[in-house]
Protein backbone atom coordinates (compact mmCIF):
# COMPACT_ATOMS: atom_id res chain seq x y z
CA UNK A 1 0.00 0.00 0.00
CA UNK A 2 1.32 3.42 -0.91
CA UNK A 3 0.63 6.60 1.02
CA UNK A 4 0.40 10.17 -0.17
CA UNK A 5 -0.23 13.59 1.36
CA UNK A 6 -2.71 16.23 0.37
CA UNK A 7 -1.39 19.54 -0.92
CA UNK A 8 -2.80 22.91 -1.83
CA UNK A 9 -3.46 23.53 -5.52
CA UNK A 10 -4.98 26.97 -6.12
CA UNK A 11 -8.07 27.18 -3.93
CA UNK A 12 -8.39 23.38 -3.72
CA UNK A 13 -6.80 20.55 -1.79
CA UNK A 14 -5.33 17.90 -4.11
CA UNK A 15 -4.00 14.35 -3.84
CA UNK A 16 -1.21 13.06 -6.06
CA UNK A 17 -1.84 9.49 -7.21
CA UNK A 18 1.17 7.19 -7.74
CA UNK A 19 2.07 6.44 -11.37
CA UNK A 20 2.08 2.73 -10.53
CA UNK A 21 -1.72 2.84 -10.37
CA UNK A 22 -1.73 3.23 -14.16
CA UNK A 23 -4.09 6.22 -14.27
CA UNK A 24 -3.47 8.35 -17.36
CA UNK A 25 -3.25 12.13 -16.98
CA UNK A 26 -6.45 14.02 -17.77
CA UNK A 27 -8.86 11.22 -16.76
CA UNK A 28 -12.08 12.69 -15.36
CA UNK A 29 -12.79 11.25 -11.91
CA UNK A 30 -15.75 11.13 -9.55
CA UNK A 31 -14.92 11.77 -5.88
CA UNK A 32 -17.40 10.89 -3.18
CA UNK A 33 -17.35 10.45 0.57
CA UNK A 34 -18.82 7.37 2.21
CA UNK A 35 -18.72 7.07 6.00
CA UNK A 36 -15.48 9.02 6.35
CA UNK A 37 -13.73 7.39 3.37
CA UNK A 38 -13.08 9.08 0.05
CA UNK A 39 -13.74 7.07 -3.07
CA UNK A 40 -12.14 8.15 -6.35
CA UNK A 41 -13.22 6.40 -9.54
CA UNK A 42 -13.11 7.22 -13.26
CA UNK A 43 -16.20 8.64 -14.93
CA UNK A 44 -17.78 6.07 -17.24
CA UNK A 45 -17.37 7.33 -20.80
CA UNK A 46 -20.56 7.36 -22.83
CA UNK A 47 -20.48 5.10 -25.86
CA UNK A 48 -19.44 7.01 -28.94
CA UNK A 49 -22.14 7.53 -31.51
CA UNK A 50 -21.43 7.74 -35.20
CA UNK A 51 -23.00 10.76 -36.86
CA UNK A 52 -23.58 10.11 -40.55
CA UNK A 53 -25.70 13.17 -41.25
CA UNK A 54 -22.90 14.94 -43.14
CA UNK A 55 -22.05 11.84 -45.14
CA UNK A 56 -25.61 10.86 -46.01
CA UNK A 57 -26.29 14.33 -47.44
CA UNK A 58 -23.30 14.02 -49.76
CA UNK A 59 -24.57 10.72 -51.21
CA UNK A 60 -27.97 11.57 -52.73
CA UNK A 61 -28.60 8.02 -54.01
CA UNK A 62 -28.25 6.59 -50.50
CA UNK A 63 -31.65 6.05 -48.91
CA UNK A 64 -32.88 4.06 -45.92
CA UNK A 65 -34.06 0.52 -46.62
CA UNK A 66 -37.77 -0.16 -46.36
CA UNK A 67 -39.04 -2.85 -43.98
CA UNK A 68 -39.41 -5.27 -46.92
CA UNK A 69 -35.86 -4.58 -48.12
CA UNK A 70 -34.48 -5.35 -44.64
CA UNK A 71 -35.88 -8.89 -44.66
CA UNK A 72 -33.40 -11.38 -46.07
CA UNK A 73 -33.84 -15.03 -46.88
CA UNK A 74 -31.59 -17.52 -45.14
CA UNK A 75 -28.62 -18.43 -47.24
CA UNK A 76 -27.72 -22.11 -47.50
CA UNK A 77 -24.95 -23.24 -45.16
CA UNK A 78 -22.49 -26.05 -45.68
CA UNK A 79 -22.77 -27.40 -42.12
CA UNK A 80 -20.94 -30.59 -43.04
CA UNK A 81 -17.76 -28.50 -43.38
CA UNK A 82 -17.89 -27.74 -39.65
CA UNK A 83 -17.59 -31.40 -38.61
CA UNK A 84 -14.51 -32.30 -36.61
CA UNK A 85 -11.92 -34.11 -38.66
CA UNK A 86 -10.05 -37.10 -37.23
PDB file of N, CA and C in Angstrom:
ATOM      1  N   UNK A   1       0.852  -1.172   0.000  1.00  0.00           N
ATOM      2  CA  UNK A   1       0.000   0.000   0.000  1.00  0.00           C
ATOM      3  C   UNK A   1       0.896   1.232   0.000  1.00  0.00           C
ATOM      4  N   UNK A   2       0.575   2.174  -0.835  1.00  0.00           N
ATOM      5  CA  UNK A   2       1.325   3.421  -0.910  1.00  0.00           C
ATOM      6  C   UNK A   2       0.559   4.497  -0.154  1.00  0.00           C
ATOM      7  N   UNK A   3       1.275   5.462   0.357  1.00  0.00           N
ATOM      8  CA  UNK A   3       0.630   6.600   1.015  1.00  0.00           C
ATOM      9  C   UNK A   3       0.992   7.870   0.279  1.00  0.00           C
ATOM     10  N   UNK A   4       0.174   8.876   0.451  1.00  0.00           N
ATOM     11  CA  UNK A   4       0.396  10.172  -0.170  1.00  0.00           C
ATOM     12  C   UNK A   4      -0.141  11.242   0.762  1.00  0.00           C
ATOM     13  N   UNK A   5       0.248  12.476   0.555  1.00  0.00           N
ATOM     14  CA  UNK A   5      -0.230  13.593   1.361  1.00  0.00           C
ATOM     15  C   UNK A   5      -1.025  14.538   0.481  1.00  0.00           C
ATOM     16  N   UNK A   6      -1.967  15.205   1.093  1.00  0.00           N
ATOM     17  CA  UNK A   6      -2.705  16.232   0.366  1.00  0.00           C
ATOM     18  C   UNK A   6      -1.826  17.470   0.241  1.00  0.00           C
ATOM     19  N   UNK A   7      -2.118  18.287  -0.743  1.00  0.00           N
ATOM     20  CA  UNK A   7      -1.390  19.544  -0.915  1.00  0.00           C
ATOM     21  C   UNK A   7      -2.330  20.573  -1.494  1.00  0.00           C
ATOM     22  N   UNK A   8      -1.968  21.822  -1.337  1.00  0.00           N
ATOM     23  CA  UNK A   8      -2.797  22.914  -1.830  1.00  0.00           C
ATOM     24  C   UNK A   8      -2.506  23.138  -3.309  1.00  0.00           C
ATOM     25  N   UNK A   9      -3.576  23.260  -4.089  1.00  0.00           N
ATOM     26  CA  UNK A   9      -3.457  23.528  -5.517  1.00  0.00           C
ATOM     27  C   UNK A   9      -4.484  24.598  -5.848  1.00  0.00           C
ATOM     28  N   UNK A  10      -4.051  25.853  -5.931  1.00  0.00           N
ATOM     29  CA  UNK A  10      -4.980  26.973  -6.123  1.00  0.00           C
ATOM     30  C   UNK A  10      -5.840  27.114  -4.880  1.00  0.00           C
ATOM     31  N   UNK A  11      -7.155  27.106  -5.064  1.00  0.00           N
ATOM     32  CA  UNK A  11      -8.074  27.176  -3.926  1.00  0.00           C
ATOM     33  C   UNK A  11      -8.572  25.795  -3.515  1.00  0.00           C
ATOM     34  N   UNK A  12      -7.944  24.744  -4.007  1.00  0.00           N
ATOM     35  CA  UNK A  12      -8.385  23.376  -3.723  1.00  0.00           C
ATOM     36  C   UNK A  12      -7.319  22.615  -2.950  1.00  0.00           C
ATOM     37  N   UNK A  13      -7.733  21.503  -2.401  1.00  0.00           N
ATOM     38  CA  UNK A  13      -6.803  20.549  -1.794  1.00  0.00           C
ATOM     39  C   UNK A  13      -6.725  19.383  -2.772  1.00  0.00           C
ATOM     40  N   UNK A  14      -5.515  18.942  -3.094  1.00  0.00           N
ATOM     41  CA  UNK A  14      -5.328  17.901  -4.107  1.00  0.00           C
ATOM     42  C   UNK A  14      -4.595  16.703  -3.512  1.00  0.00           C
ATOM     43  N   UNK A  15      -4.718  15.581  -4.195  1.00  0.00           N
ATOM     44  CA  UNK A  15      -4.002  14.354  -3.840  1.00  0.00           C
ATOM     45  C   UNK A  15      -3.273  13.895  -5.085  1.00  0.00           C
ATOM     46  N   UNK A  16      -2.008  13.575  -4.941  1.00  0.00           N
ATOM     47  CA  UNK A  16      -1.209  13.063  -6.055  1.00  0.00           C
ATOM     48  C   UNK A  16      -1.303  11.550  -6.022  1.00  0.00           C
ATOM     49  N   UNK A  17      -1.709  10.942  -7.142  1.00  0.00           N
ATOM     50  CA  UNK A  17      -1.837   9.486  -7.211  1.00  0.00           C
ATOM     51  C   UNK A  17      -0.561   8.894  -7.802  1.00  0.00           C
ATOM     52  N   UNK A  18      -0.058   7.803  -7.224  1.00  0.00           N
ATOM     53  CA  UNK A  18       1.173   7.192  -7.737  1.00  0.00           C
ATOM     54  C   UNK A  18       1.014   6.709  -9.183  1.00  0.00           C
ATOM     55  N   UNK A  19       2.065   6.850  -9.966  1.00  0.00           N
ATOM     56  CA  UNK A  19       2.074   6.442 -11.367  1.00  0.00           C
ATOM     57  C   UNK A  19       1.817   4.938 -11.496  1.00  0.00           C
ATOM     58  N   UNK A  20       2.232   4.184 -10.485  1.00  0.00           N
ATOM     59  CA  UNK A  20       2.085   2.730 -10.534  1.00  0.00           C
ATOM     60  C   UNK A  20       0.626   2.285 -10.579  1.00  0.00           C
ATOM     61  N   UNK A  21      -0.308   3.184 -10.272  1.00  0.00           N
ATOM     62  CA  UNK A  21      -1.722   2.839 -10.369  1.00  0.00           C
ATOM     63  C   UNK A  21      -2.183   2.753 -11.820  1.00  0.00           C
ATOM     64  N   UNK A  22      -1.416   3.326 -12.735  1.00  0.00           N
ATOM     65  CA  UNK A  22      -1.733   3.234 -14.157  1.00  0.00           C
ATOM     66  C   UNK A  22      -2.822   4.180 -14.624  1.00  0.00           C
ATOM     67  N   UNK A  23      -3.066   5.250 -13.876  1.00  0.00           N
ATOM     68  CA  UNK A  23      -4.085   6.217 -14.274  1.00  0.00           C
ATOM     69  C   UNK A  23      -3.437   7.239 -15.199  1.00  0.00           C
ATOM     70  N   UNK A  24      -4.021   7.418 -16.379  1.00  0.00           N
ATOM     71  CA  UNK A  24      -3.468   8.355 -17.356  1.00  0.00           C
ATOM     72  C   UNK A  24      -3.806   9.784 -16.949  1.00  0.00           C
ATOM     73  N   UNK A  25      -2.941  10.729 -17.273  1.00  0.00           N
ATOM     74  CA  UNK A  25      -3.251  12.131 -16.981  1.00  0.00           C
ATOM     75  C   UNK A  25      -4.489  12.589 -17.737  1.00  0.00           C
ATOM     76  N   UNK A  26      -5.282  13.451 -17.122  1.00  0.00           N
ATOM     77  CA  UNK A  26      -6.449  14.017 -17.771  1.00  0.00           C
ATOM     78  C   UNK A  26      -7.716  13.180 -17.648  1.00  0.00           C
ATOM     79  N   UNK A  27      -7.672  12.055 -16.924  1.00  0.00           N
ATOM     80  CA  UNK A  27      -8.856  11.219 -16.765  1.00  0.00           C
ATOM     81  C   UNK A  27      -9.818  11.913 -15.802  1.00  0.00           C
ATOM     82  N   UNK A  28     -11.076  12.065 -16.227  1.00  0.00           N
ATOM     83  CA  UNK A  28     -12.080  12.689 -15.363  1.00  0.00           C
ATOM     84  C   UNK A  28     -12.492  11.679 -14.294  1.00  0.00           C
ATOM     85  N   UNK A  29     -12.507  12.138 -13.027  1.00  0.00           N
ATOM     86  CA  UNK A  29     -12.786  11.249 -11.906  1.00  0.00           C
ATOM     87  C   UNK A  29     -13.976  11.749 -11.105  1.00  0.00           C
ATOM     88  N   UNK A  30     -14.685  10.818 -10.495  1.00  0.00           N
ATOM     89  CA  UNK A  30     -15.750  11.128  -9.548  1.00  0.00           C
ATOM     90  C   UNK A  30     -15.162  10.922  -8.154  1.00  0.00           C
ATOM     91  N   UNK A  31     -15.382  11.890  -7.261  1.00  0.00           N
ATOM     92  CA  UNK A  31     -14.916  11.775  -5.878  1.00  0.00           C
ATOM     93  C   UNK A  31     -16.146  11.853  -4.986  1.00  0.00           C
ATOM     94  N   UNK A  32     -16.281  10.864  -4.123  1.00  0.00           N
ATOM     95  CA  UNK A  32     -17.403  10.887  -3.180  1.00  0.00           C
ATOM     96  C   UNK A  32     -16.925  10.414  -1.808  1.00  0.00           C
ATOM     97  N   UNK A  33     -17.686  10.821  -0.806  1.00  0.00           N
ATOM     98  CA  UNK A  33     -17.347  10.450   0.567  1.00  0.00           C
ATOM     99  C   UNK A  33     -18.398   9.473   1.070  1.00  0.00           C
ATOM    100  N   UNK A  34     -17.939   8.368   1.614  1.00  0.00           N
ATOM    101  CA  UNK A  34     -18.823   7.373   2.206  1.00  0.00           C
ATOM    102  C   UNK A  34     -18.302   7.012   3.585  1.00  0.00           C
ATOM    103  N   UNK A  35     -19.048   7.389   4.608  1.00  0.00           N
ATOM    104  CA  UNK A  35     -18.718   7.070   5.999  1.00  0.00           C
ATOM    105  C   UNK A  35     -17.263   7.385   6.352  1.00  0.00           C
ATOM    106  N   UNK A  36     -16.827   8.587   5.994  1.00  0.00           N
ATOM    107  CA  UNK A  36     -15.480   9.019   6.352  1.00  0.00           C
ATOM    108  C   UNK A  36     -14.377   8.555   5.417  1.00  0.00           C
ATOM    109  N   UNK A  37     -14.724   7.835   4.355  1.00  0.00           N
ATOM    110  CA  UNK A  37     -13.729   7.392   3.372  1.00  0.00           C
ATOM    111  C   UNK A  37     -13.999   8.112   2.064  1.00  0.00           C
ATOM    112  N   UNK A  38     -12.950   8.414   1.339  1.00  0.00           N
ATOM    113  CA  UNK A  38     -13.077   9.084   0.051  1.00  0.00           C
ATOM    114  C   UNK A  38     -12.870   8.058  -1.048  1.00  0.00           C
ATOM    115  N   UNK A  39     -13.794   8.016  -1.955  1.00  0.00           N
ATOM    116  CA  UNK A  39     -13.741   7.065  -3.065  1.00  0.00           C
ATOM    117  C   UNK A  39     -13.521   7.861  -4.341  1.00  0.00           C
ATOM    118  N   UNK A  40     -12.484   7.487  -5.086  1.00  0.00           N
ATOM    119  CA  UNK A  40     -12.140   8.148  -6.352  1.00  0.00           C
ATOM    120  C   UNK A  40     -12.233   7.098  -7.440  1.00  0.00           C
ATOM    121  N   UNK A  41     -13.075   7.354  -8.445  1.00  0.00           N
ATOM    122  CA  UNK A  41     -13.220   6.398  -9.535  1.00  0.00           C
ATOM    123  C   UNK A  41     -13.421   7.143 -10.853  1.00  0.00           C
ATOM    124  N   UNK A  42     -12.977   6.547 -11.961  1.00  0.00           N
ATOM    125  CA  UNK A  42     -13.111   7.219 -13.261  1.00  0.00           C
ATOM    126  C   UNK A  42     -14.567   7.337 -13.681  1.00  0.00           C
ATOM    127  N   UNK A  43     -14.867   8.427 -14.366  1.00  0.00           N
ATOM    128  CA  UNK A  43     -16.203   8.636 -14.928  1.00  0.00           C
ATOM    129  C   UNK A  43     -16.369   7.665 -16.086  1.00  0.00           C
ATOM    130  N   UNK A  44     -17.512   6.995 -16.138  1.00  0.00           N
ATOM    131  CA  UNK A  44     -17.778   6.074 -17.242  1.00  0.00           C
ATOM    132  C   UNK A  44     -18.016   6.880 -18.517  1.00  0.00           C
ATOM    133  N   UNK A  45     -17.214   6.628 -19.519  1.00  0.00           N
ATOM    134  CA  UNK A  45     -17.371   7.333 -20.796  1.00  0.00           C
ATOM    135  C   UNK A  45     -18.620   6.830 -21.501  1.00  0.00           C
ATOM    136  N   UNK A  46     -19.376   7.750 -22.070  1.00  0.00           N
ATOM    137  CA  UNK A  46     -20.556   7.363 -22.829  1.00  0.00           C
ATOM    138  C   UNK A  46     -20.115   6.731 -24.139  1.00  0.00           C
ATOM    139  N   UNK A  47     -20.840   5.717 -24.590  1.00  0.00           N
ATOM    140  CA  UNK A  47     -20.476   5.099 -25.862  1.00  0.00           C
ATOM    141  C   UNK A  47     -20.499   6.140 -26.979  1.00  0.00           C
ATOM    142  N   UNK A  48     -19.510   6.055 -27.835  1.00  0.00           N
ATOM    143  CA  UNK A  48     -19.437   7.009 -28.937  1.00  0.00           C
ATOM    144  C   UNK A  48     -20.484   6.671 -29.984  1.00  0.00           C
ATOM    145  N   UNK A  49     -21.140   7.706 -30.471  1.00  0.00           N
ATOM    146  CA  UNK A  49     -22.144   7.535 -31.513  1.00  0.00           C
ATOM    147  C   UNK A  49     -21.576   8.038 -32.826  1.00  0.00           C
ATOM    148  N   UNK A  50     -21.903   7.348 -33.879  1.00  0.00           N
ATOM    149  CA  UNK A  50     -21.434   7.736 -35.201  1.00  0.00           C
ATOM    150  C   UNK A  50     -22.495   8.629 -35.838  1.00  0.00           C
ATOM    151  N   UNK A  51     -22.086   9.814 -36.222  1.00  0.00           N
ATOM    152  CA  UNK A  51     -23.001  10.757 -36.857  1.00  0.00           C
ATOM    153  C   UNK A  51     -22.755  10.736 -38.360  1.00  0.00           C
ATOM    154  N   UNK A  52     -23.712  10.224 -39.094  1.00  0.00           N
ATOM    155  CA  UNK A  52     -23.576  10.115 -40.552  1.00  0.00           C
ATOM    156  C   UNK A  52     -24.367  11.176 -41.296  1.00  0.00           C
ATOM    157  N   UNK A  53     -24.871  12.173 -40.582  1.00  0.00           N
ATOM    158  CA  UNK A  53     -25.704  13.168 -41.251  1.00  0.00           C
ATOM    159  C   UNK A  53     -24.936  13.902 -42.345  1.00  0.00           C
ATOM    160  N   UNK A  54     -23.684  14.241 -42.120  1.00  0.00           N
ATOM    161  CA  UNK A  54     -22.900  14.938 -43.142  1.00  0.00           C
ATOM    162  C   UNK A  54     -22.575  14.052 -44.319  1.00  0.00           C
ATOM    163  N   UNK A  55     -22.380  12.769 -44.066  1.00  0.00           N
ATOM    164  CA  UNK A  55     -22.046  11.837 -45.139  1.00  0.00           C
ATOM    165  C   UNK A  55     -23.283  11.511 -45.963  1.00  0.00           C
ATOM    166  N   UNK A  56     -24.393  11.244 -45.290  1.00  0.00           N
ATOM    167  CA  UNK A  56     -25.613  10.858 -46.010  1.00  0.00           C
ATOM    168  C   UNK A  56     -26.066  11.968 -46.955  1.00  0.00           C
ATOM    169  N   UNK A  57     -25.897  13.223 -46.573  1.00  0.00           N
ATOM    170  CA  UNK A  57     -26.288  14.327 -47.441  1.00  0.00           C
ATOM    171  C   UNK A  57     -25.426  14.432 -48.680  1.00  0.00           C
ATOM    172  N   UNK A  58     -24.194  13.930 -48.607  1.00  0.00           N
ATOM    173  CA  UNK A  58     -23.299  14.018 -49.760  1.00  0.00           C
ATOM    174  C   UNK A  58     -23.461  12.830 -50.710  1.00  0.00           C
ATOM    175  N   UNK A  59     -24.320  11.879 -50.357  1.00  0.00           N
ATOM    176  CA  UNK A  59     -24.571  10.720 -51.206  1.00  0.00           C
ATOM    177  C   UNK A  59     -26.073  10.681 -51.500  1.00  0.00           C
ATOM    178  N   UNK A  60     -26.523  11.435 -52.493  1.00  0.00           N
ATOM    179  CA  UNK A  60     -27.969  11.569 -52.727  1.00  0.00           C
ATOM    180  C   UNK A  60     -28.662  10.259 -53.069  1.00  0.00           C
ATOM    181  N   UNK A  61     -27.955   9.281 -53.641  1.00  0.00           N
ATOM    182  CA  UNK A  61     -28.597   8.021 -54.015  1.00  0.00           C
ATOM    183  C   UNK A  61     -28.748   7.080 -52.823  1.00  0.00           C
ATOM    184  N   UNK A  62     -28.138   7.422 -51.691  1.00  0.00           N
ATOM    185  CA  UNK A  62     -28.250   6.588 -50.498  1.00  0.00           C
ATOM    186  C   UNK A  62     -29.571   6.889 -49.798  1.00  0.00           C
ATOM    187  N   UNK A  63     -30.375   5.861 -49.598  1.00  0.00           N
ATOM    188  CA  UNK A  63     -31.654   6.052 -48.913  1.00  0.00           C
ATOM    189  C   UNK A  63     -31.853   4.909 -47.928  1.00  0.00           C
ATOM    190  N   UNK A  64     -32.624   5.135 -46.881  1.00  0.00           N
ATOM    191  CA  UNK A  64     -32.880   4.056 -45.916  1.00  0.00           C
ATOM    192  C   UNK A  64     -33.625   2.899 -46.565  1.00  0.00           C
ATOM    193  N   UNK A  65     -33.361   1.693 -46.107  1.00  0.00           N
ATOM    194  CA  UNK A  65     -34.063   0.524 -46.617  1.00  0.00           C
ATOM    195  C   UNK A  65     -35.470   0.483 -46.046  1.00  0.00           C
ATOM    196  N   UNK A  66     -36.411   0.035 -46.849  1.00  0.00           N
ATOM    197  CA  UNK A  66     -37.771  -0.160 -46.357  1.00  0.00           C
ATOM    198  C   UNK A  66     -37.808  -1.442 -45.527  1.00  0.00           C
ATOM    199  N   UNK A  67     -38.900  -1.653 -44.812  1.00  0.00           N
ATOM    200  CA  UNK A  67     -39.040  -2.854 -43.982  1.00  0.00           C
ATOM    201  C   UNK A  67     -38.896  -4.120 -44.851  1.00  0.00           C
ATOM    202  N   UNK A  68     -39.489  -4.106 -46.028  1.00  0.00           N
ATOM    203  CA  UNK A  68     -39.415  -5.272 -46.919  1.00  0.00           C
ATOM    204  C   UNK A  68     -37.978  -5.515 -47.388  1.00  0.00           C
ATOM    205  N   UNK A  69     -37.244  -4.443 -47.648  1.00  0.00           N
ATOM    206  CA  UNK A  69     -35.862  -4.579 -48.117  1.00  0.00           C
ATOM    207  C   UNK A  69     -34.929  -5.067 -47.015  1.00  0.00           C
ATOM    208  N   UNK A  70     -35.330  -4.903 -45.760  1.00  0.00           N
ATOM    209  CA  UNK A  70     -34.478  -5.346 -44.644  1.00  0.00           C
ATOM    210  C   UNK A  70     -34.673  -6.815 -44.311  1.00  0.00           C
ATOM    211  N   UNK A  71     -35.640  -7.469 -44.910  1.00  0.00           N
ATOM    212  CA  UNK A  71     -35.879  -8.887 -44.660  1.00  0.00           C
ATOM    213  C   UNK A  71     -35.102  -9.695 -45.692  1.00  0.00           C
ATOM    214  N   UNK A  72     -34.234 -10.569 -45.196  1.00  0.00           N
ATOM    215  CA  UNK A  72     -33.397 -11.380 -46.069  1.00  0.00           C
ATOM    216  C   UNK A  72     -33.761 -12.844 -45.903  1.00  0.00           C
ATOM    217  N   UNK A  73     -33.628 -13.600 -46.961  1.00  0.00           N
ATOM    218  CA  UNK A  73     -33.841 -15.035 -46.876  1.00  0.00           C
ATOM    219  C   UNK A  73     -32.573 -15.684 -46.351  1.00  0.00           C
ATOM    220  N   UNK A  74     -32.750 -16.803 -45.649  1.00  0.00           N
ATOM    221  CA  UNK A  74     -31.590 -17.522 -45.141  1.00  0.00           C
ATOM    222  C   UNK A  74     -30.771 -18.049 -46.307  1.00  0.00           C
ATOM    223  N   UNK A  75     -29.480 -17.882 -46.203  1.00  0.00           N
ATOM    224  CA  UNK A  75     -28.615 -18.427 -47.238  1.00  0.00           C
ATOM    225  C   UNK A  75     -28.228 -19.849 -46.847  1.00  0.00           C
ATOM    226  N   UNK A  76     -28.055 -20.709 -47.820  1.00  0.00           N
ATOM    227  CA  UNK A  76     -27.716 -22.106 -47.502  1.00  0.00           C
ATOM    228  C   UNK A  76     -26.336 -22.175 -46.836  1.00  0.00           C
ATOM    229  N   UNK A  77     -26.214 -23.070 -45.886  1.00  0.00           N
ATOM    230  CA  UNK A  77     -24.951 -23.243 -45.162  1.00  0.00           C
ATOM    231  C   UNK A  77     -24.416 -24.654 -45.405  1.00  0.00           C
ATOM    232  N   UNK A  78     -23.131 -24.751 -45.530  1.00  0.00           N
ATOM    233  CA  UNK A  78     -22.486 -26.049 -45.683  1.00  0.00           C
ATOM    234  C   UNK A  78     -22.059 -26.541 -44.303  1.00  0.00           C
ATOM    235  N   UNK A  79     -23.044 -27.003 -43.507  1.00  0.00           N
ATOM    236  CA  UNK A  79     -22.767 -27.396 -42.122  1.00  0.00           C
ATOM    237  C   UNK A  79     -21.822 -28.591 -42.051  1.00  0.00           C
ATOM    238  N   UNK A  80     -21.816 -29.420 -43.080  1.00  0.00           N
ATOM    239  CA  UNK A  80     -20.936 -30.588 -43.043  1.00  0.00           C
ATOM    240  C   UNK A  80     -19.460 -30.175 -42.993  1.00  0.00           C
ATOM    241  N   UNK A  81     -19.146 -28.970 -43.421  1.00  0.00           N
ATOM    242  CA  UNK A  81     -17.761 -28.499 -43.382  1.00  0.00           C
ATOM    243  C   UNK A  81     -17.301 -28.194 -41.966  1.00  0.00           C
ATOM    244  N   UNK A  82     -18.232 -28.064 -41.040  1.00  0.00           N
ATOM    245  CA  UNK A  82     -17.890 -27.738 -39.655  1.00  0.00           C
ATOM    246  C   UNK A  82     -17.605 -28.983 -38.817  1.00  0.00           C
ATOM    247  N   UNK A  83     -17.816 -30.174 -39.378  1.00  0.00           N
ATOM    248  CA  UNK A  83     -17.587 -31.399 -38.609  1.00  0.00           C
ATOM    249  C   UNK A  83     -16.113 -31.542 -38.260  1.00  0.00           C
ATOM    250  N   UNK A  84     -15.878 -32.088 -37.092  1.00  0.00           N
ATOM    251  CA  UNK A  84     -14.508 -32.300 -36.612  1.00  0.00           C
ATOM    252  C   UNK A  84     -13.848 -33.408 -37.431  1.00  0.00           C
ATOM    253  N   UNK A  85     -12.652 -33.123 -37.878  1.00  0.00           N
ATOM    254  CA  UNK A  85     -11.920 -34.113 -38.661  1.00  0.00           C
ATOM    255  C   UNK A  85     -11.028 -34.933 -37.742  1.00  0.00           C
ATOM    256  N   UNK A  86     -10.893 -36.206 -38.053  1.00  0.00           N
ATOM    257  CA  UNK A  86     -10.045 -37.097 -37.233  1.00  0.00           C
ATOM    258  C   UNK A  86      -8.617 -37.103 -37.694  1.00  0.00           C
TER     259      UNK A  86
END
